Amino acid sequence: MKNAKLRMLGLSAGLLALSATTSALAQDTNAAAPPPPPPPPPPAQAQASGQVGMGLPGAAPQTAIAAPAAGGTDHSLVVGHLGFGYLGRPGVAVGQAAAVVNAPVIGVRYWLDPGMGIDVGIGFGLTSGSTTTAGTSTDNPSAWAFVLHGGVPLALASGRHYTFTIVPEANVGLGGGGTDTVSNSGFLLDLGARAGAEIQFGFIGLPELALQGSIGAMFQVTSSSSTPDGGEKTGQSNMSITTTVFNSPWGIFTNSVSALYYF
């Protein structure tokens, strides 16, 4: 009996020693383990400031336009941004004399994705005046024109600073005016397409600025008329197919080149 008690005491002492040794080893291991590494810094895009620029309602927040990454293009930077600028100079013939009232179109271009965008613009023109002869002033015929422009630019290919595009487009215009005794009116419908290039100035640090030059063809329907008070309406209508670069040497600038600035 005595020997059994001694064996039990010895076994208990051994277990206590083993437990103490295990705890000491665990403490040494925890002390020697290095601290966990700090979390990686957030990506550069996450550190960017809040929304910059303008987009369609409900669109994702946009960041400021910056220089493209290596291998990127200026065109990729303006996708999802609004570009404001000059979209052409159609004119509406008004009255029996078919006096043309120019209505330069100012509008926006919005690239929905790298391959397709939307052009929307409006133009307005107004002329009026008077003539004085021997002290007598006479009002000249007034004339006004309003034009609505729409287009769908399609990007065919892009380089670092340029994009080849084709733009199906349409113009719808109305005109009017006259004198106290004659009412004039006019109508315009343009349907056609232009092909050319949009060049962005990223090579001088201005990818937001774009200059587009193009040539194309347009099917055009026009009509104009004059109606005297108490008289019958007289007028004319025409249909034509023309290119968008005309014979005037400055036509390539006034009719085919326009500028856009993206925000």
C-alpha atoms as a PDB file:
ATOM      1  CA  MET A   1       0.000   0.000   0.000  1.00  0.00           C
ATOM      2  CA  LYS A   2       2.759   2.381   0.893  1.00  0.00           C
ATOM      3  CA  ASN A   3       4.573   1.650  -2.379  1.00  0.00           C
ATOM      4  CA  ALA A   4       1.374   2.363  -4.346  1.00  0.00           C
ATOM      5  CA  LYS A   5       1.015   5.748  -2.676  1.00  0.00           C
ATOM      6  CA  LEU A   6       4.609   6.585  -3.496  1.00  0.00           C
ATOM      7  CA  ARG A   7       4.090   5.650  -7.131  1.00  0.00           C
ATOM      8  CA  MET A   8       0.971   7.866  -7.317  1.00  0.00           C
ATOM      9  CA  LEU A   9       2.838  10.822  -5.809  1.00  0.00           C
ATOM     10  CA  GLY A  10       5.670  10.337  -8.307  1.00  0.00           C
ATOM     11  CA  LEU A  11       3.274  10.218 -11.252  1.00  0.00           C
ATOM     12  CA  SER A  12       1.532  13.397 -10.094  1.00  0.00           C
ATOM     13  CA  ALA A  13       4.840  15.215  -9.719  1.00  0.00           C
ATOM     14  CA  GLY A  14       5.869  14.171 -13.256  1.00  0.00           C
ATOM     15  CA  LEU A  15       2.621  15.464 -14.747  1.00  0.00           C
ATOM     16  CA  LEU A  16       3.049  18.794 -12.964  1.00  0.00           C
ATOM     17  CA  ALA A  17       6.589  19.135 -14.261  1.00  0.00           C
ATOM     18  CA  LEU A  18       5.515  18.284 -17.836  1.00  0.00           C
ATOM     19  CA  SER A  19       2.701  20.896 -17.688  1.00  0.00           C
ATOM     20  CA  ALA A  20       5.084  23.574 -16.443  1.00  0.00           C
ATOM     21  CA  THR A  21       7.582  22.772 -19.204  1.00  0.00           C
ATOM     22  CA  THR A  22       4.847  22.966 -21.909  1.00  0.00           C
ATOM     23  CA  SER A  23       3.656  26.365 -20.642  1.00  0.00           C
ATOM     24  CA  ALA A  24       7.191  27.735 -20.633  1.00  0.00           C
ATOM     25  CA  LEU A  25       7.790  26.537 -24.215  1.00  0.00           C
ATOM     26  CA  ALA A  26       4.509  28.134 -25.375  1.00  0.00           C
ATOM     27  CA  GLN A  27       5.489  31.442 -23.760  1.00  0.00           C
ATOM     28  CA  ASP A  28       8.912  31.341 -25.422  1.00  0.00           C
ATOM     29  CA  THR A  29       7.300  30.608 -28.822  1.00  0.00           C
ATOM     30  CA  ASN A  30       4.849  33.508 -28.493  1.00  0.00           C
ATOM     31  CA  ALA A  31       7.631  35.865 -27.464  1.00  0.00           C
ATOM     32  CA  ALA A  32       9.795  34.847 -30.425  1.00  0.00           C
ATOM     33  CA  ALA A  33       6.983  35.121 -33.051  1.00  0.00           C
ATOM     34  CA  PRO A  34       7.268  38.338 -35.159  1.00  0.00           C
ATOM     35  CA  PRO A  35       4.354  40.829 -35.146  1.00  0.00           C
ATOM     36  CA  PRO A  36       1.902  40.585 -38.079  1.00  0.00           C
ATOM     37  CA  PRO A  37       2.832  42.759 -41.105  1.00  0.00           C
ATOM     38  CA  PRO A  38       0.934  46.066 -41.537  1.00  0.00           C
ATOM     39  CA  PRO A  39      -1.936  46.094 -44.086  1.00  0.00           C
ATOM     40  CA  PRO A  40      -0.951  47.138 -47.637  1.00  0.00           C
ATOM     41  CA  PRO A  41      -1.633  50.783 -48.590  1.00  0.00           C
ATOM     42  CA  PRO A  42      -4.843  51.453 -50.587  1.00  0.00           C
ATOM     43  CA  PRO A  43      -4.465  51.689 -54.387  1.00  0.00           C
ATOM     44  CA  ALA A  44      -3.822  55.064 -55.928  1.00  0.00           C
ATOM     45  CA  GLN A  45      -7.321  55.255 -57.378  1.00  0.00           C
ATOM     46  CA  ALA A  46      -8.868  54.771 -53.931  1.00  0.00           C
ATOM     47  CA  GLN A  47      -6.825  57.685 -52.621  1.00  0.00           C
ATOM     48  CA  ALA A  48      -8.149  60.023 -55.328  1.00  0.00           C
ATOM     49  CA  SER A  49     -10.348  62.866 -54.272  1.00  0.00           C
ATOM     50  CA  GLY A  50     -14.142  62.839 -54.674  1.00  0.00           C
ATOM     51  CA  GLN A  51     -16.111  63.081 -57.877  1.00  0.00           C
ATOM     52  CA  VAL A  52     -14.577  65.357 -60.510  1.00  0.00           C
ATOM     53  CA  GLY A  53     -16.068  66.341 -63.860  1.00  0.00           C
ATOM     54  CA  MET A  54     -19.568  65.831 -65.174  1.00  0.00           C
ATOM     55  CA  GLY A  55     -21.465  62.747 -66.225  1.00  0.00           C
ATOM     56  CA  LEU A  56     -24.965  61.471 -66.856  1.00  0.00           C
ATOM     57  CA  PRO A  57     -27.338  61.170 -63.848  1.00  0.00           C
ATOM     58  CA  GLY A  58     -26.785  57.903 -62.009  1.00  0.00           C
ATOM     59  CA  ALA A  59     -23.351  57.329 -63.532  1.00  0.00           C
ATOM     60  CA  ALA A  60     -20.479  56.154 -61.364  1.00  0.00           C
ATOM     61  CA  PRO A  61     -18.313  58.859 -59.748  1.00  0.00           C
ATOM     62  CA  GLN A  62     -15.603  60.107 -62.083  1.00  0.00           C
ATOM     63  CA  THR A  63     -12.018  61.016 -61.392  1.00  0.00           C
ATOM     64  CA  ALA A  64     -10.066  63.884 -62.870  1.00  0.00           C
ATOM     65  CA  ILE A  65      -8.664  63.381 -66.357  1.00  0.00           C
ATOM     66  CA  ALA A  66      -4.940  62.730 -66.082  1.00  0.00           C
ATOM     67  CA  ALA A  67      -2.125  61.544 -68.295  1.00  0.00           C
ATOM     68  CA  PRO A  68      -2.737  58.023 -69.650  1.00  0.00           C
ATOM     69  CA  ALA A  69      -0.869  55.096 -68.184  1.00  0.00           C
ATOM     70  CA  ALA A  70       1.869  53.460 -70.189  1.00  0.00           C
ATOM     71  CA  GLY A  71       0.302  51.917 -73.266  1.00  0.00           C
ATOM     72  CA  GLY A  72      -2.987  53.792 -72.721  1.00  0.00           C
ATOM     73  CA  THR A  73      -4.705  56.335 -74.971  1.00  0.00           C
ATOM     74  CA  ASP A  74      -6.099  59.830 -74.479  1.00  0.00           C
ATOM     75  CA  HIS A  75      -9.438  58.550 -75.781  1.00  0.00           C
ATOM     76  CA  SER A  76      -9.787  56.066 -72.921  1.00  0.00           C
ATOM     77  CA  LEU A  77      -9.537  58.955 -70.435  1.00  0.00           C
ATOM     78  CA  VAL A  78     -12.617  60.792 -71.735  1.00  0.00           C
ATOM     79  CA  VAL A  79     -15.010  57.828 -71.730  1.00  0.00           C
ATOM     80  CA  GLY A  80     -17.773  58.755 -69.292  1.00  0.00           C
ATOM     81  CA  HIS A  81     -16.993  62.486 -69.481  1.00  0.00           C
ATOM     82  CA  LEU A  82     -18.940  65.271 -71.188  1.00  0.00           C
ATOM     83  CA  GLY A  83     -17.217  67.189 -73.969  1.00  0.00           C
ATOM     84  CA  PHE A  84     -18.531  70.678 -74.788  1.00  0.00           C
ATOM     85  CA  GLY A  85     -17.848  72.409 -78.072  1.00  0.00           C
ATOM     86  CA  TYR A  86     -18.740  73.384 -81.632  1.00  0.00           C
ATOM     87  CA  LEU A  87     -20.559  70.743 -83.711  1.00  0.00           C
ATOM     88  CA  GLY A  88     -21.030  72.443 -87.079  1.00  0.00           C
ATOM     89  CA  ARG A  89     -22.672  75.377 -88.848  1.00  0.00           C
ATOM     90  CA  PRO A  90     -25.886  74.491 -90.688  1.00  0.00           C
ATOM     91  CA  GLY A  91     -27.999  77.252 -92.206  1.00  0.00           C
ATOM     92  CA  VAL A  92     -31.748  77.547 -92.801  1.00  0.00           C
ATOM     93  CA  ALA A  93     -33.080  79.260 -95.948  1.00  0.00           C
ATOM     94  CA  VAL A  94     -35.925  81.623 -95.024  1.00  0.00           C
ATOM     95  CA  GLY A  95     -38.440  83.332 -97.294  1.00  0.00           C
ATOM     96  CA  GLN A  96     -39.082  83.385-101.018  1.00  0.00           C
ATOM     97  CA  ALA A  97     -35.635  84.931-101.556  1.00  0.00           C
ATOM     98  CA  ALA A  98     -34.133  81.950 -99.656  1.00  0.00           C
ATOM     99  CA  ALA A  99     -31.885  84.123 -97.489  1.00  0.00           C
ATOM    100  CA  VAL A 100     -29.769  81.712 -95.419  1.00  0.00           C
ATOM    101  CA  VAL A 101     -29.642  82.259 -91.661  1.00  0.00           C
ATOM    102  CA  ASN A 102     -26.617  80.496 -90.125  1.00  0.00           C
ATOM    103  CA  ALA A 103     -27.176  78.717 -86.796  1.00  0.00           C
ATOM    104  CA  PRO A 104     -23.818  77.452 -85.406  1.00  0.00           C
ATOM    105  CA  VAL A 105     -24.467  74.390 -83.267  1.00  0.00           C
ATOM    106  CA  ILE A 106     -23.051  74.260 -79.737  1.00  0.00           C
ATOM    107  CA  GLY A 107     -23.460  70.966 -77.928  1.00  0.00           C
ATOM    108  CA  VAL A 108     -22.015  68.032 -76.044  1.00  0.00           C
ATOM    109  CA  ARG A 109     -20.415  64.694 -76.840  1.00  0.00           C
ATOM    110  CA  TYR A 110     -20.636  61.849 -74.326  1.00  0.00           C
ATOM    111  CA  TRP A 111     -18.769  58.569 -74.888  1.00  0.00           C
ATOM    112  CA  LEU A 112     -20.924  55.753 -73.490  1.00  0.00           C
ATOM    113  CA  ASP A 113     -18.019  53.332 -73.904  1.00  0.00           C
ATOM    114  CA  PRO A 114     -14.738  53.352 -75.868  1.00  0.00           C
ATOM    115  CA  GLY A 115     -16.588  52.495 -79.086  1.00  0.00           C
ATOM    116  CA  MET A 116     -19.785  54.564 -79.156  1.00  0.00           C
ATOM    117  CA  GLY A 117     -20.942  58.001 -78.053  1.00  0.00           C
ATOM    118  CA  ILE A 118     -23.793  60.498 -78.381  1.00  0.00           C
ATOM    119  CA  ASP A 119     -23.745  64.044 -79.854  1.00  0.00           C
ATOM    120  CA  VAL A 120     -26.525  66.504 -78.985  1.00  0.00           C
ATOM    121  CA  GLY A 121     -26.538  70.216 -79.795  1.00  0.00           C
ATOM    122  CA  ILE A 122     -28.623  73.260 -80.639  1.00  0.00           C
ATOM    123  CA  GLY A 123     -28.001  76.314 -82.792  1.00  0.00           C
ATOM    124  CA  PHE A 124     -29.765  79.655 -83.119  1.00  0.00           C
ATOM    125  CA  GLY A 125     -29.449  82.633 -85.443  1.00  0.00           C
ATOM    126  CA  LEU A 126     -31.288  85.957 -85.671  1.00  0.00           C
ATOM    127  CA  THR A 127     -30.951  88.900 -88.035  1.00  0.00           C
ATOM    128  CA  SER A 128     -32.815  92.207 -88.095  1.00  0.00           C
ATOM    129  CA  GLY A 129     -32.118  95.845 -88.892  1.00  0.00           C
ATOM    130  CA  SER A 130     -33.351  98.971 -90.572  1.00  0.00           C
ATOM    131  CA  THR A 131     -32.492 101.266 -93.474  1.00  0.00           C
ATOM    132  CA  THR A 132     -32.585 105.060 -93.276  1.00  0.00           C
ATOM    133  CA  THR A 133     -33.117 107.070 -96.471  1.00  0.00           C
ATOM    134  CA  ALA A 134     -33.558 110.872 -96.482  1.00  0.00           C
ATOM    135  CA  GLY A 135     -34.319 110.787 -92.777  1.00  0.00           C
ATOM    136  CA  THR A 136     -36.915 108.040 -93.117  1.00  0.00           C
ATOM    137  CA  SER A 137     -36.211 104.736 -91.366  1.00  0.00           C
ATOM    138  CA  THR A 138     -37.591 101.502 -92.762  1.00  0.00           C
ATOM    139  CA  ASP A 139     -37.357  98.122 -91.039  1.00  0.00           C
ATOM    140  CA  ASN A 140     -35.519  95.425 -92.955  1.00  0.00           C
ATOM    141  CA  PRO A 141     -36.992  91.911 -93.066  1.00  0.00           C
ATOM    142  CA  SER A 142     -36.109  90.003 -89.917  1.00  0.00           C
ATOM    143  CA  ALA A 143     -35.108  86.357 -89.995  1.00  0.00           C
ATOM    144  CA  TRP A 144     -34.421  83.691 -87.384  1.00  0.00           C
ATOM    145  CA  ALA A 145     -33.432  80.034 -87.453  1.00  0.00           C
ATOM    146  CA  PHE A 146     -33.312  77.242 -84.870  1.00  0.00           C
ATOM    147  CA  VAL A 147     -31.459  73.948 -85.455  1.00  0.00           C
ATOM    148  CA  LEU A 148     -31.426  70.718 -83.436  1.00  0.00           C
ATOM    149  CA  HIS A 149     -28.443  68.413 -84.026  1.00  0.00           C
ATOM    150  CA  GLY A 150     -27.966  64.748 -83.148  1.00  0.00           C
ATOM    151  CA  GLY A 151     -25.248  62.220 -83.923  1.00  0.00           C
ATOM    152  CA  VAL A 152     -23.769  58.857 -82.927  1.00  0.00           C
ATOM    153  CA  PRO A 153     -19.939  58.938 -83.073  1.00  0.00           C
ATOM    154  CA  LEU A 154     -18.361  55.514 -83.539  1.00  0.00           C
ATOM    155  CA  ALA A 155     -14.675  54.965 -82.752  1.00  0.00           C
ATOM    156  CA  LEU A 156     -13.102  52.701 -85.374  1.00  0.00           C
ATOM    157  CA  ALA A 157      -9.494  52.722 -84.105  1.00  0.00           C
ATOM    158  CA  SER A 158      -7.433  54.630 -81.558  1.00  0.00           C
ATOM    159  CA  GLY A 159      -3.782  55.595 -81.185  1.00  0.00           C
ATOM    160  CA  ARG A 160      -2.174  57.224 -78.187  1.00  0.00           C
ATOM    161  CA  HIS A 161      -3.425  60.720 -79.079  1.00  0.00           C
ATOM    162  CA  TYR A 162      -5.995  60.209 -81.864  1.00  0.00           C
ATOM    163  CA  THR A 163      -9.156  58.280 -82.680  1.00  0.00           C
ATOM    164  CA  PHE A 164     -10.548  57.530 -86.135  1.00  0.00           C
ATOM    165  CA  THR A 165     -14.327  58.039 -86.103  1.00  0.00           C
ATOM    166  CA  ILE A 166     -17.401  57.841 -88.289  1.00  0.00           C
ATOM    167  CA  VAL A 167     -20.393  59.945 -87.197  1.00  0.00           C
ATOM    168  CA  PRO A 168     -23.906  59.319 -88.567  1.00  0.00           C
ATOM    169  CA  GLU A 169     -25.796  62.549 -87.863  1.00  0.00           C
ATOM    170  CA  ALA A 170     -28.898  64.625 -88.552  1.00  0.00           C
ATOM    171  CA  ASN A 171     -29.927  68.287 -88.401  1.00  0.00           C
ATOM    172  CA  VAL A 172     -33.516  69.529 -88.188  1.00  0.00           C
ATOM    173  CA  GLY A 173     -34.032  73.279 -88.581  1.00  0.00           C
ATOM    174  CA  LEU A 174     -36.916  75.758 -88.609  1.00  0.00           C
ATOM    175  CA  GLY A 175     -36.830  79.397 -89.661  1.00  0.00           C
ATOM    176  CA  GLY A 176     -39.112  82.386 -89.774  1.00  0.00           C
ATOM    177  CA  GLY A 177     -39.338  86.177 -89.833  1.00  0.00           C
ATOM    178  CA  GLY A 178     -40.522  88.804 -92.300  1.00  0.00           C
ATOM    179  CA  THR A 179     -41.912  92.332 -92.197  1.00  0.00           C
ATOM    180  CA  ASP A 180     -45.130  93.954 -91.084  1.00  0.00           C
ATOM    181  CA  THR A 181     -46.766  92.857 -94.337  1.00  0.00           C
ATOM    182  CA  VAL A 182     -45.001  89.576 -95.222  1.00  0.00           C
ATOM    183  CA  SER A 183     -44.373  86.424 -93.194  1.00  0.00           C
ATOM    184  CA  ASN A 184     -41.423  84.214 -94.143  1.00  0.00           C
ATOM    185  CA  SER A 185     -40.659  80.619 -93.150  1.00  0.00           C
ATOM    186  CA  GLY A 186     -38.044  77.951 -93.773  1.00  0.00           C
ATOM    187  CA  PHE A 187     -37.313  74.276 -93.092  1.00  0.00           C
ATOM    188  CA  LEU A 188     -34.139  72.161 -93.141  1.00  0.00           C
ATOM    189  CA  LEU A 189     -33.495  68.423 -92.854  1.00  0.00           C
ATOM    190  CA  ASP A 190     -29.953  67.005 -93.091  1.00  0.00           C
ATOM    191  CA  LEU A 191     -29.180  63.272 -93.002  1.00  0.00           C
ATOM    192  CA  GLY A 192     -25.665  61.987 -93.529  1.00  0.00           C
ATOM    193  CA  ALA A 193     -22.369  60.880 -92.032  1.00  0.00           C
ATOM    194  CA  ARG A 194     -18.835  62.192 -91.557  1.00  0.00           C
ATOM    195  CA  ALA A 195     -15.555  60.301 -91.288  1.00  0.00           C
ATOM    196  CA  GLY A 196     -12.404  61.718 -89.757  1.00  0.00           C
ATOM    197  CA  ALA A 197     -10.258  61.855 -86.653  1.00  0.00           C
ATOM    198  CA  GLU A 198     -10.456  63.284 -83.149  1.00  0.00           C
ATOM    199  CA  ILE A 199      -6.999  64.436 -82.040  1.00  0.00           C
ATOM    200  CA  GLN A 200      -6.443  64.990 -78.306  1.00  0.00           C
ATOM    201  CA  PHE A 201      -3.663  67.184 -76.975  1.00  0.00           C
ATOM    202  CA  GLY A 202      -2.272  64.742 -74.437  1.00  0.00           C
ATOM    203  CA  PHE A 203       1.159  65.190 -76.004  1.00  0.00           C
ATOM    204  CA  ILE A 204       1.261  68.662 -74.428  1.00  0.00           C
ATOM    205  CA  GLY A 205      -0.491  67.643 -71.207  1.00  0.00           C
ATOM    206  CA  LEU A 206      -4.059  68.546 -72.304  1.00  0.00           C
ATOM    207  CA  PRO A 207      -5.894  65.284 -73.044  1.00  0.00           C
ATOM    208  CA  GLU A 208      -9.159  67.112 -72.225  1.00  0.00           C
ATOM    209  CA  LEU A 209      -8.846  69.256 -75.385  1.00  0.00           C
ATOM    210  CA  ALA A 210      -9.782  67.590 -78.670  1.00  0.00           C
ATOM    211  CA  LEU A 211      -9.839  68.862 -82.246  1.00  0.00           C
ATOM    212  CA  GLN A 212     -11.867  66.887 -84.773  1.00  0.00           C
ATOM    213  CA  GLY A 213     -11.636  67.172 -88.532  1.00  0.00           C
ATOM    214  CA  SER A 214     -13.836  65.248 -90.929  1.00  0.00           C
ATOM    215  CA  ILE A 215     -15.325  65.004 -94.379  1.00  0.00           C
ATOM    216  CA  GLY A 216     -18.505  63.306 -95.469  1.00  0.00           C
ATOM    217  CA  ALA A 217     -21.748  63.428 -97.422  1.00  0.00           C
ATOM    218  CA  MET A 218     -25.176  64.794 -96.614  1.00  0.00           C
ATOM    219  CA  PHE A 219     -28.667  64.330 -98.024  1.00  0.00           C
ATOM    220  CA  GLN A 220     -30.500  67.636 -97.601  1.00  0.00           C
ATOM    221  CA  VAL A 221     -34.104  68.752 -97.926  1.00  0.00           C
ATOM    222  CA  THR A 222     -34.925  72.482 -97.731  1.00  0.00           C
ATOM    223  CA  SER A 223     -38.016  74.576 -98.232  1.00  0.00           C
ATOM    224  CA  SER A 224     -38.745  78.285 -97.886  1.00  0.00           C
ATOM    225  CA  SER A 225     -41.802  80.433 -98.466  1.00  0.00           C
ATOM    226  CA  SER A 226     -43.280  83.905 -98.105  1.00  0.00           C
ATOM    227  CA  THR A 227     -46.891  84.782 -97.380  1.00  0.00           C
ATOM    228  CA  PRO A 228     -48.117  88.393 -97.798  1.00  0.00           C
ATOM    229  CA  ASP A 229     -50.963  89.563 -95.615  1.00  0.00           C
ATOM    230  CA  GLY A 230     -54.183  88.580 -97.352  1.00  0.00           C
ATOM    231  CA  GLY A 231     -52.268  86.923-100.204  1.00  0.00           C
ATOM    232  CA  GLU A 232     -51.224  83.457-101.283  1.00  0.00           C
ATOM    233  CA  LYS A 233     -48.092  81.705-100.174  1.00  0.00           C
ATOM    234  CA  THR A 234     -45.230  81.378-102.642  1.00  0.00           C
ATOM    235  CA  GLY A 235     -42.100  79.352-102.102  1.00  0.00           C
ATOM    236  CA  GLN A 236     -39.688  76.699-103.229  1.00  0.00           C
ATOM    237  CA  SER A 237     -38.253  73.382-102.081  1.00  0.00           C
ATOM    238  CA  ASN A 238     -35.060  71.552-102.944  1.00  0.00           C
ATOM    239  CA  MET A 239     -33.362  68.196-102.411  1.00  0.00           C
ATOM    240  CA  SER A 240     -29.631  67.647-102.791  1.00  0.00           C
ATOM    241  CA  ILE A 241     -26.733  65.360-101.915  1.00  0.00           C
ATOM    242  CA  THR A 242     -23.475  67.175-101.177  1.00  0.00           C
ATOM    243  CA  THR A 243     -20.161  66.688 -99.493  1.00  0.00           C
ATOM    244  CA  THR A 244     -19.536  68.522 -96.219  1.00  0.00           C
ATOM    245  CA  VAL A 245     -16.422  70.320 -97.563  1.00  0.00           C
ATOM    246  CA  PHE A 246     -17.373  73.059-100.019  1.00  0.00           C
ATOM    247  CA  ASN A 247     -15.515  74.981-102.715  1.00  0.00           C
ATOM    248  CA  SER A 248     -14.487  77.895-100.489  1.00  0.00           C
ATOM    249  CA  PRO A 249     -10.859  77.522 -99.387  1.00  0.00           C
ATOM    250  CA  TRP A 250     -11.841  78.246 -95.777  1.00  0.00           C
ATOM    251  CA  GLY A 251     -14.616  75.641 -95.874  1.00  0.00           C
ATOM    252  CA  ILE A 252     -12.396  72.973 -94.331  1.00  0.00           C
ATOM    253  CA  PHE A 253     -12.161  75.139 -91.187  1.00  0.00           C
ATOM    254  CA  THR A 254     -15.680  76.595 -90.972  1.00  0.00           C
ATOM    255  CA  ASN A 255     -17.551  73.437 -91.997  1.00  0.00           C
ATOM    256  CA  SER A 256     -15.394  70.453 -91.119  1.00  0.00           C
ATOM    257  CA  VAL A 257     -13.175  71.262 -88.122  1.00  0.00           C
ATOM    258  CA  SER A 258     -14.492  71.664 -84.581  1.00  0.00           C
ATOM    259  CA  ALA A 259     -13.138  71.634 -81.045  1.00  0.00           C
ATOM    260  CA  LEU A 260     -14.320  69.847 -77.887  1.00  0.00           C
ATOM    261  CA  TYR A 261     -13.232  70.203 -74.269  1.00  0.00           C
ATOM    262  CA  TYR A 262     -13.973  67.333 -71.875  1.00  0.00           C
ATOM    263  CA  PHE A 263     -14.820  67.830 -68.213  1.00  0.00           C
END
